[in-house]
Amino acid sequence: MRLEGSDDARRHAPRLRRAMTPPEIALWLALRRNDAGLRFRRQYPAGPYVLDFYCAPARLAIEVDGEVHARGDRPE
């Protein structure tokens, strides 16, 4: 099953890839060198959301929470 991102999510994903937070960068460095050989994607559009990391074969999504989620128009 392939996740489909909305047009809005697909537009925002490249910008988010370029502006990753320090915790996201640290996790990305670990995920791309994992011993299981799983391939992760960064800032992957899924519906109206952009997942921080997504592994399609494992159907695993990882969201890194941080201070950026406390800002903007929907801090809750």
Protein backbone atom coordinates (compact mmCIF):
# COMPACT_ATOMS: atom_id res chain seq x y z
CA MET A 1 0.00 0.00 0.00
CA ARG A 2 1.40 3.38 -0.97
CA LEU A 3 0.64 6.44 1.11
CA GLU A 4 -0.61 9.37 -0.93
CA GLY A 5 0.15 12.90 0.19
CA SER A 6 -2.09 15.86 -0.41
CA ASP A 7 -0.94 18.58 -2.79
CA ASP A 8 -0.23 20.82 0.19
CA ALA A 9 1.87 18.17 1.96
CA ARG A 10 3.83 17.44 -1.23
CA ARG A 11 4.61 21.15 -1.59
CA HIS A 12 5.87 21.45 2.00
CA ALA A 13 7.95 18.25 2.15
CA PRO A 14 11.01 19.52 0.18
CA ARG A 15 11.21 22.65 2.33
CA LEU A 16 11.05 20.55 5.50
CA ARG A 17 13.83 18.27 4.19
CA ARG A 18 16.10 21.29 3.79
CA ALA A 19 15.24 22.68 7.25
CA MET A 20 15.52 19.60 9.49
CA THR A 21 15.88 20.19 13.23
CA PRO A 22 18.97 18.94 15.13
CA PRO A 23 17.04 15.97 16.65
CA GLU A 24 15.76 15.03 13.18
CA ILE A 25 19.28 15.21 11.74
CA ALA A 26 20.68 13.00 14.51
CA LEU A 27 17.96 10.39 13.99
CA TRP A 28 18.34 10.53 10.20
CA LEU A 29 22.06 9.78 10.49
CA ALA A 30 21.26 6.71 12.61
CA LEU A 31 18.37 5.53 10.42
CA ARG A 32 20.30 5.65 7.17
CA ARG A 33 23.00 3.40 8.63
CA ASN A 34 20.74 0.84 10.30
CA ASP A 35 21.93 -2.78 10.59
CA ALA A 36 18.61 -4.21 9.37
CA GLY A 37 19.10 -2.71 5.92
CA LEU A 38 15.77 -0.85 6.05
CA ARG A 39 15.41 2.21 3.83
CA PHE A 40 13.79 5.26 5.35
CA ARG A 41 12.47 8.37 3.62
CA ARG A 42 12.67 11.81 5.19
CA GLN A 43 9.76 14.23 5.36
CA TYR A 44 7.38 11.95 3.49
CA PRO A 45 3.93 13.30 2.51
CA ALA A 46 1.03 11.15 3.78
CA GLY A 47 -2.46 12.56 3.49
CA PRO A 48 -2.53 16.09 4.90
CA TYR A 49 0.59 15.35 7.00
CA VAL A 50 4.32 15.17 6.39
CA LEU A 51 5.89 12.26 8.28
CA ASP A 52 9.36 12.94 9.64
CA PHE A 53 10.57 9.48 8.60
CA TYR A 54 8.84 6.62 6.81
CA CYS A 55 9.90 3.05 6.01
CA ALA A 56 7.51 1.64 3.38
CA PRO A 57 8.42 -2.10 3.63
CA ALA A 58 7.93 -2.05 7.41
CA ARG A 59 4.95 0.36 7.19
CA LEU A 60 6.64 2.32 9.97
CA ALA A 61 6.28 6.07 10.48
CA ILE A 62 8.44 7.99 12.96
CA GLU A 63 7.57 11.47 14.21
CA VAL A 64 10.19 13.46 16.11
CA ASP A 65 8.51 15.80 18.57
CA GLY A 66 10.26 18.93 19.63
CA GLU A 67 9.81 22.59 20.31
CA VAL A 68 8.79 23.30 16.73
CA HIS A 69 5.47 21.53 17.41
CA ALA A 70 4.67 24.06 20.16
CA ARG A 71 4.71 26.92 17.65
CA GLY A 72 2.48 28.00 14.82
CA ASP A 73 -1.26 27.99 14.51
CA ARG A 74 -1.89 24.55 16.11
CA PRO A 75 0.38 24.14 19.16
CA GLU A 76 -1.97 21.71 20.87
